[in-house]
N, C-alpha and C. Protein backbone atom coordinates (compact mmCIF):
# COMPACT_ATOMS: atom_id res chain seq x y z
N UNK A 1 -5.38 66.83 -11.95
CA UNK A 1 -4.15 67.58 -11.80
C UNK A 1 -4.08 68.12 -10.37
N UNK A 2 -2.94 68.05 -9.77
CA UNK A 2 -2.81 68.49 -8.39
C UNK A 2 -2.68 70.01 -8.30
N UNK A 3 -3.12 70.54 -7.17
CA UNK A 3 -3.10 71.97 -6.94
C UNK A 3 -1.91 72.34 -6.07
N UNK A 4 -1.55 73.63 -6.02
CA UNK A 4 -0.46 74.03 -5.12
C UNK A 4 -0.86 73.79 -3.67
N UNK A 5 0.12 73.61 -2.79
CA UNK A 5 -0.20 73.33 -1.38
C UNK A 5 -1.07 74.42 -0.76
N UNK A 6 -2.05 74.00 -0.01
CA UNK A 6 -2.94 74.92 0.69
C UNK A 6 -2.27 75.48 1.94
N UNK A 7 -1.34 74.73 2.52
CA UNK A 7 -0.70 75.12 3.78
C UNK A 7 0.81 75.21 3.61
N UNK A 8 1.43 75.98 4.49
CA UNK A 8 2.89 76.13 4.47
C UNK A 8 3.58 75.00 5.22
N UNK A 9 3.08 74.68 6.42
CA UNK A 9 3.73 73.64 7.23
C UNK A 9 2.81 73.25 8.38
N UNK A 10 3.15 72.15 9.03
CA UNK A 10 2.43 71.75 10.24
C UNK A 10 2.84 72.69 11.36
N UNK A 11 1.86 73.31 12.01
CA UNK A 11 2.12 74.28 13.09
C UNK A 11 2.12 73.60 14.45
N UNK A 12 1.07 72.83 14.72
CA UNK A 12 1.02 72.12 16.00
C UNK A 12 0.11 70.90 15.94
N UNK A 13 0.31 70.03 16.91
CA UNK A 13 -0.53 68.87 17.13
C UNK A 13 -1.26 69.13 18.44
N UNK A 14 -2.58 69.05 18.43
CA UNK A 14 -3.38 69.39 19.61
C UNK A 14 -3.85 68.13 20.33
N UNK A 15 -3.68 68.16 21.65
CA UNK A 15 -4.13 67.09 22.52
C UNK A 15 -5.10 67.69 23.52
N UNK A 16 -6.30 67.15 23.60
CA UNK A 16 -7.30 67.66 24.54
C UNK A 16 -7.07 66.98 25.89
N UNK A 17 -7.11 67.81 26.95
CA UNK A 17 -6.87 67.31 28.31
C UNK A 17 -7.94 67.84 29.25
N UNK A 18 -8.16 67.13 30.33
CA UNK A 18 -9.11 67.59 31.35
C UNK A 18 -8.48 68.63 32.27
N UNK A 19 -7.19 68.47 32.55
CA UNK A 19 -6.50 69.36 33.48
C UNK A 19 -5.08 69.59 32.97
N UNK A 20 -4.81 70.80 32.54
CA UNK A 20 -3.51 71.12 31.96
C UNK A 20 -2.39 70.93 32.97
N UNK A 21 -2.60 71.37 34.20
CA UNK A 21 -1.53 71.26 35.20
C UNK A 21 -1.14 69.81 35.42
N UNK A 22 -2.12 68.92 35.47
CA UNK A 22 -1.81 67.50 35.63
C UNK A 22 -1.11 66.95 34.38
N UNK A 23 -1.56 67.38 33.21
CA UNK A 23 -0.95 66.91 31.96
C UNK A 23 0.50 67.39 31.84
N UNK A 24 0.78 68.59 32.36
CA UNK A 24 2.14 69.11 32.29
C UNK A 24 3.13 68.26 33.08
N UNK A 25 2.64 67.57 34.10
CA UNK A 25 3.55 66.70 34.85
C UNK A 25 4.12 65.61 33.95
N UNK A 26 3.41 65.24 32.91
CA UNK A 26 3.93 64.28 31.94
C UNK A 26 4.71 64.98 30.82
N UNK A 27 4.04 65.87 30.08
CA UNK A 27 4.63 66.46 28.89
C UNK A 27 5.84 67.34 29.20
N UNK A 28 5.75 68.15 30.24
CA UNK A 28 6.86 69.05 30.59
C UNK A 28 7.88 68.34 31.48
N UNK A 29 7.38 67.75 32.58
CA UNK A 29 8.29 67.22 33.59
C UNK A 29 8.92 65.89 33.20
N UNK A 30 8.16 64.98 32.62
CA UNK A 30 8.72 63.68 32.25
C UNK A 30 9.36 63.68 30.87
N UNK A 31 8.70 64.30 29.89
CA UNK A 31 9.25 64.33 28.54
C UNK A 31 10.26 65.46 28.33
N UNK A 32 10.22 66.47 29.20
CA UNK A 32 11.17 67.57 29.11
C UNK A 32 10.84 68.62 28.07
N UNK A 33 9.58 68.69 27.64
CA UNK A 33 9.19 69.69 26.63
C UNK A 33 8.94 71.03 27.31
N UNK A 34 9.65 72.09 26.91
CA UNK A 34 9.46 73.39 27.55
C UNK A 34 8.16 74.07 27.11
N UNK A 35 7.51 74.73 28.07
CA UNK A 35 6.29 75.50 27.79
C UNK A 35 6.71 76.83 27.16
N UNK A 36 6.11 77.16 26.02
CA UNK A 36 6.40 78.42 25.36
C UNK A 36 5.20 79.37 25.36
N UNK A 37 4.01 78.83 25.50
CA UNK A 37 2.79 79.64 25.57
C UNK A 37 1.86 78.94 26.56
N UNK A 38 1.26 79.72 27.44
CA UNK A 38 0.24 79.18 28.35
C UNK A 38 -0.76 80.30 28.58
N UNK A 39 -1.90 80.22 27.93
CA UNK A 39 -2.86 81.31 28.07
C UNK A 39 -4.29 80.80 28.02
N UNK A 40 -5.13 81.58 28.66
CA UNK A 40 -6.57 81.30 28.63
C UNK A 40 -7.18 82.22 27.58
N UNK A 41 -7.91 81.63 26.67
CA UNK A 41 -8.65 82.39 25.67
C UNK A 41 -10.07 82.51 26.22
N UNK A 42 -10.33 83.63 26.87
CA UNK A 42 -11.62 83.82 27.55
C UNK A 42 -12.78 83.75 26.57
N UNK A 43 -12.58 84.31 25.37
CA UNK A 43 -13.68 84.31 24.39
C UNK A 43 -14.04 82.89 23.95
N UNK A 44 -13.10 81.96 24.10
CA UNK A 44 -13.36 80.59 23.70
C UNK A 44 -13.49 79.63 24.86
N UNK A 45 -13.39 80.17 26.10
CA UNK A 45 -13.48 79.33 27.30
C UNK A 45 -12.54 78.13 27.23
N UNK A 46 -11.28 78.41 26.87
CA UNK A 46 -10.31 77.33 26.70
C UNK A 46 -8.93 77.80 27.17
N UNK A 47 -8.17 76.89 27.72
CA UNK A 47 -6.77 77.14 28.06
C UNK A 47 -5.91 76.42 27.03
N UNK A 48 -4.99 77.16 26.43
CA UNK A 48 -4.09 76.61 25.42
C UNK A 48 -2.66 76.71 25.92
N UNK A 49 -1.98 75.58 25.95
CA UNK A 49 -0.60 75.54 26.39
C UNK A 49 0.23 74.89 25.29
N UNK A 50 1.22 75.64 24.80
CA UNK A 50 2.09 75.13 23.74
C UNK A 50 3.42 74.72 24.32
N UNK A 51 3.86 73.54 23.93
CA UNK A 51 5.17 73.02 24.33
C UNK A 51 6.04 72.91 23.08
N UNK A 52 7.30 73.29 23.22
CA UNK A 52 8.21 73.31 22.08
C UNK A 52 8.74 71.92 21.76
N UNK A 53 8.58 71.53 20.50
CA UNK A 53 9.10 70.24 20.03
C UNK A 53 10.07 70.46 18.87
N UNK A 54 10.74 71.60 18.87
CA UNK A 54 11.68 71.89 17.78
C UNK A 54 11.01 72.64 16.66
N UNK A 55 10.61 71.93 15.61
CA UNK A 55 10.04 72.60 14.45
C UNK A 55 8.51 72.71 14.49
N UNK A 56 7.89 72.27 15.59
CA UNK A 56 6.45 72.45 15.77
C UNK A 56 6.12 72.40 17.26
N UNK A 57 4.90 72.74 17.57
CA UNK A 57 4.44 72.74 18.96
C UNK A 57 3.49 71.58 19.22
N UNK A 58 3.49 71.15 20.46
CA UNK A 58 2.46 70.26 20.97
C UNK A 58 1.54 71.17 21.78
N UNK A 59 0.26 71.19 21.46
CA UNK A 59 -0.69 72.08 22.13
C UNK A 59 -1.60 71.26 23.03
N UNK A 60 -1.63 71.64 24.31
CA UNK A 60 -2.59 71.05 25.24
C UNK A 60 -3.80 71.95 25.26
N UNK A 61 -4.98 71.38 25.07
CA UNK A 61 -6.22 72.14 25.00
C UNK A 61 -7.12 71.69 26.15
N UNK A 62 -7.43 72.62 27.04
CA UNK A 62 -8.30 72.31 28.17
C UNK A 62 -9.56 73.17 28.11
N UNK A 63 -10.72 72.56 27.92
CA UNK A 63 -11.97 73.34 27.99
C UNK A 63 -12.18 73.83 29.42
N UNK A 64 -12.67 75.07 29.56
CA UNK A 64 -12.80 75.67 30.88
C UNK A 64 -14.22 75.68 31.42
N UNK A 65 -15.18 75.24 30.62
CA UNK A 65 -16.57 75.18 31.09
C UNK A 65 -17.15 73.81 30.77
N UNK A 66 -18.12 73.40 31.57
CA UNK A 66 -18.74 72.09 31.37
C UNK A 66 -19.54 71.99 30.08
N UNK A 67 -19.99 73.15 29.55
CA UNK A 67 -20.78 73.12 28.32
C UNK A 67 -19.93 73.37 27.06
N UNK A 68 -18.62 73.40 27.22
CA UNK A 68 -17.73 73.59 26.07
C UNK A 68 -17.84 72.37 25.15
N UNK A 69 -17.86 72.57 23.82
CA UNK A 69 -17.96 71.44 22.89
C UNK A 69 -16.88 70.37 23.08
N UNK A 70 -15.71 70.77 23.53
CA UNK A 70 -14.65 69.78 23.74
C UNK A 70 -14.94 68.85 24.91
N UNK A 71 -15.84 69.26 25.81
CA UNK A 71 -16.21 68.36 26.91
C UNK A 71 -16.91 67.12 26.37
N UNK A 72 -17.73 67.29 25.34
CA UNK A 72 -18.36 66.13 24.70
C UNK A 72 -17.29 65.19 24.15
N UNK A 73 -16.30 65.78 23.49
CA UNK A 73 -15.20 64.99 22.94
C UNK A 73 -14.46 64.25 24.06
N UNK A 74 -14.17 64.95 25.15
CA UNK A 74 -13.48 64.32 26.28
C UNK A 74 -14.31 63.19 26.89
N UNK A 75 -15.59 63.44 27.06
CA UNK A 75 -16.45 62.43 27.68
C UNK A 75 -16.62 61.20 26.80
N UNK A 76 -16.61 61.39 25.48
CA UNK A 76 -16.77 60.26 24.56
C UNK A 76 -15.47 59.53 24.28
N UNK A 77 -14.36 60.28 24.21
CA UNK A 77 -13.10 59.70 23.75
C UNK A 77 -11.98 59.71 24.79
N UNK A 78 -12.15 60.48 25.85
CA UNK A 78 -11.07 60.64 26.81
C UNK A 78 -10.01 61.59 26.28
N UNK A 79 -8.95 61.74 27.05
CA UNK A 79 -7.87 62.62 26.65
C UNK A 79 -7.10 62.01 25.48
N UNK A 80 -6.55 62.88 24.66
CA UNK A 80 -5.73 62.39 23.55
C UNK A 80 -5.75 63.32 22.36
N UNK A 81 -5.27 62.80 21.24
CA UNK A 81 -5.16 63.58 20.02
C UNK A 81 -6.51 64.18 19.62
N UNK A 82 -6.50 65.47 19.30
CA UNK A 82 -7.73 66.13 18.86
C UNK A 82 -7.63 66.60 17.41
N UNK A 83 -6.59 67.38 17.09
CA UNK A 83 -6.49 67.87 15.71
C UNK A 83 -5.06 68.18 15.31
N UNK A 84 -4.88 68.35 14.01
CA UNK A 84 -3.63 68.82 13.43
C UNK A 84 -3.87 70.24 12.95
N UNK A 85 -2.91 71.12 13.20
CA UNK A 85 -3.06 72.51 12.77
C UNK A 85 -1.94 72.87 11.80
N UNK A 86 -2.33 73.45 10.69
CA UNK A 86 -1.39 73.81 9.64
C UNK A 86 -1.32 75.32 9.49
N UNK A 87 -0.12 75.82 9.24
CA UNK A 87 0.08 77.25 9.03
C UNK A 87 -0.25 77.60 7.59
N UNK A 88 -0.92 78.72 7.43
CA UNK A 88 -1.23 79.24 6.10
C UNK A 88 -0.86 80.71 6.06
N UNK A 89 -0.64 81.24 4.88
CA UNK A 89 -0.20 82.63 4.81
C UNK A 89 -1.31 83.60 5.19
N UNK A 90 -2.55 83.23 4.97
CA UNK A 90 -3.68 84.10 5.29
C UNK A 90 -4.91 83.23 5.50
N UNK A 91 -5.40 83.18 6.73
CA UNK A 91 -6.51 82.28 7.06
C UNK A 91 -7.77 82.65 6.29
N UNK A 92 -8.07 83.93 6.16
CA UNK A 92 -9.29 84.33 5.45
C UNK A 92 -9.22 83.93 3.96
N UNK A 93 -8.07 84.12 3.35
CA UNK A 93 -7.92 83.70 1.95
C UNK A 93 -8.09 82.20 1.81
N UNK A 94 -7.51 81.46 2.76
CA UNK A 94 -7.62 80.00 2.71
C UNK A 94 -9.06 79.57 2.91
N UNK A 95 -9.78 80.23 3.84
CA UNK A 95 -11.21 79.96 4.02
C UNK A 95 -11.95 80.09 2.69
N UNK A 96 -11.64 81.18 1.97
CA UNK A 96 -12.33 81.45 0.71
C UNK A 96 -11.98 80.42 -0.37
N UNK A 97 -10.80 79.83 -0.28
CA UNK A 97 -10.36 78.87 -1.28
C UNK A 97 -10.89 77.45 -1.04
N UNK A 98 -11.31 77.16 0.17
CA UNK A 98 -11.73 75.80 0.52
C UNK A 98 -12.81 75.22 -0.40
N UNK A 99 -13.88 75.96 -0.72
CA UNK A 99 -14.92 75.37 -1.58
C UNK A 99 -14.40 74.94 -2.95
N UNK A 100 -13.42 75.67 -3.49
CA UNK A 100 -12.84 75.29 -4.78
C UNK A 100 -12.09 73.97 -4.70
N UNK A 101 -11.77 73.55 -3.48
CA UNK A 101 -11.03 72.30 -3.27
C UNK A 101 -11.91 71.22 -2.66
N UNK A 102 -13.23 71.46 -2.67
CA UNK A 102 -14.16 70.44 -2.18
C UNK A 102 -14.27 70.37 -0.67
N UNK A 103 -13.88 71.44 0.01
CA UNK A 103 -13.95 71.49 1.47
C UNK A 103 -14.72 72.73 1.89
N UNK A 104 -15.02 72.81 3.17
CA UNK A 104 -15.68 74.01 3.69
C UNK A 104 -15.20 74.25 5.11
N UNK A 105 -15.18 75.54 5.51
CA UNK A 105 -14.81 75.83 6.90
C UNK A 105 -15.93 75.38 7.83
N UNK A 106 -15.55 75.03 9.04
CA UNK A 106 -16.54 74.60 10.04
C UNK A 106 -17.37 75.80 10.51
N UNK A 107 -16.74 76.98 10.57
CA UNK A 107 -17.41 78.21 10.97
C UNK A 107 -17.27 79.22 9.84
N UNK A 108 -18.13 80.24 9.87
CA UNK A 108 -18.11 81.23 8.79
C UNK A 108 -16.86 82.09 8.80
N UNK A 109 -16.36 82.42 9.99
CA UNK A 109 -15.19 83.28 10.08
C UNK A 109 -14.16 82.67 11.02
N UNK A 110 -12.89 83.00 10.82
CA UNK A 110 -11.85 82.51 11.73
C UNK A 110 -12.05 83.08 13.13
N UNK A 111 -11.50 82.36 14.12
CA UNK A 111 -11.56 82.81 15.51
C UNK A 111 -10.17 83.25 15.97
N UNK A 112 -10.11 83.90 17.13
CA UNK A 112 -8.83 84.33 17.68
C UNK A 112 -8.04 83.12 18.14
N UNK A 113 -6.78 83.08 17.76
CA UNK A 113 -5.87 82.03 18.19
C UNK A 113 -4.81 82.61 19.11
N UNK A 114 -3.73 81.90 19.30
CA UNK A 114 -2.65 82.38 20.15
C UNK A 114 -1.75 83.33 19.38
N UNK A 115 -1.01 84.15 20.12
CA UNK A 115 -0.04 85.09 19.57
C UNK A 115 -0.64 86.04 18.54
N UNK A 116 -1.91 86.40 18.72
CA UNK A 116 -2.56 87.34 17.83
C UNK A 116 -2.91 86.79 16.46
N UNK A 117 -2.75 85.49 16.27
CA UNK A 117 -3.09 84.88 14.98
C UNK A 117 -4.59 84.58 14.91
N UNK A 118 -5.05 84.35 13.73
CA UNK A 118 -6.40 83.86 13.50
C UNK A 118 -6.33 82.36 13.25
N UNK A 119 -7.42 81.68 13.50
CA UNK A 119 -7.45 80.23 13.30
C UNK A 119 -8.85 79.82 12.88
N UNK A 120 -8.95 78.68 12.24
CA UNK A 120 -10.25 78.16 11.84
C UNK A 120 -10.15 76.68 11.50
N UNK A 121 -11.25 75.98 11.70
CA UNK A 121 -11.30 74.55 11.44
C UNK A 121 -11.97 74.27 10.10
N UNK A 122 -11.55 73.18 9.49
CA UNK A 122 -12.18 72.70 8.26
C UNK A 122 -13.20 71.64 8.66
N UNK A 123 -14.34 71.64 8.01
CA UNK A 123 -15.39 70.66 8.29
C UNK A 123 -14.80 69.25 8.16
N UNK A 124 -14.77 68.48 9.27
CA UNK A 124 -14.12 67.16 9.22
C UNK A 124 -14.83 66.14 8.33
N UNK A 125 -16.07 66.41 7.94
CA UNK A 125 -16.72 65.48 7.01
C UNK A 125 -16.10 65.58 5.61
N UNK A 126 -15.32 66.63 5.39
CA UNK A 126 -14.67 66.84 4.09
C UNK A 126 -13.18 66.52 4.13
N UNK A 127 -12.67 66.08 5.29
CA UNK A 127 -11.23 65.81 5.43
C UNK A 127 -10.97 64.37 5.85
N UNK A 128 -11.84 63.48 5.42
CA UNK A 128 -11.68 62.05 5.66
C UNK A 128 -11.62 61.72 7.15
N UNK A 129 -12.39 62.50 7.93
CA UNK A 129 -12.54 62.21 9.35
C UNK A 129 -11.47 62.78 10.26
N UNK A 130 -10.46 63.43 9.69
CA UNK A 130 -9.40 64.04 10.50
C UNK A 130 -9.78 65.49 10.76
N UNK A 131 -9.62 65.94 12.00
CA UNK A 131 -9.92 67.34 12.32
C UNK A 131 -8.69 68.17 11.96
N UNK A 132 -8.87 69.10 11.03
CA UNK A 132 -7.80 69.97 10.56
C UNK A 132 -8.13 71.40 10.96
N UNK A 133 -7.12 72.08 11.46
CA UNK A 133 -7.23 73.51 11.78
C UNK A 133 -6.18 74.23 10.95
N UNK A 134 -6.43 75.48 10.66
CA UNK A 134 -5.43 76.30 10.00
C UNK A 134 -5.21 77.55 10.84
N UNK A 135 -4.00 78.07 10.81
CA UNK A 135 -3.68 79.26 11.58
C UNK A 135 -2.75 80.14 10.76
N UNK A 136 -2.78 81.41 11.07
CA UNK A 136 -1.92 82.37 10.39
C UNK A 136 -2.44 83.77 10.62
N UNK A 137 -1.83 84.73 9.97
CA UNK A 137 -2.32 86.10 10.11
C UNK A 137 -3.70 86.23 9.46
N UNK A 138 -4.44 87.19 9.92
CA UNK A 138 -5.79 87.50 9.43
C UNK A 138 -6.32 86.38 8.62
């Protein structure tokens, strides 16, 4: 029997890049997508830039240090699609519900996201190889 939806909607599609400013010359200047958020998350050593695509955002993710885990991803795969992020009503509640659905969070607690939201990743070994993130209040 199927369960009620775990998420409300797709929030953003994340693309990992080596240099956000260079990537913006394509996504903003050539495609015409307006920047709505551009911030450095110092606690995560990452720059996150959101571009408006109407009902969802395209997020450019740039690791800011050579030892950032995303650098391994960049070095192995190059720039491109990294993850899908879904909005949930409460990230902590969703974290707690994951084991009942055969999944587990990648980390024990959610991390700080953009616009004061919390965010967290689901262990990709439990999501058929797709990297899923969830975001929302607390």
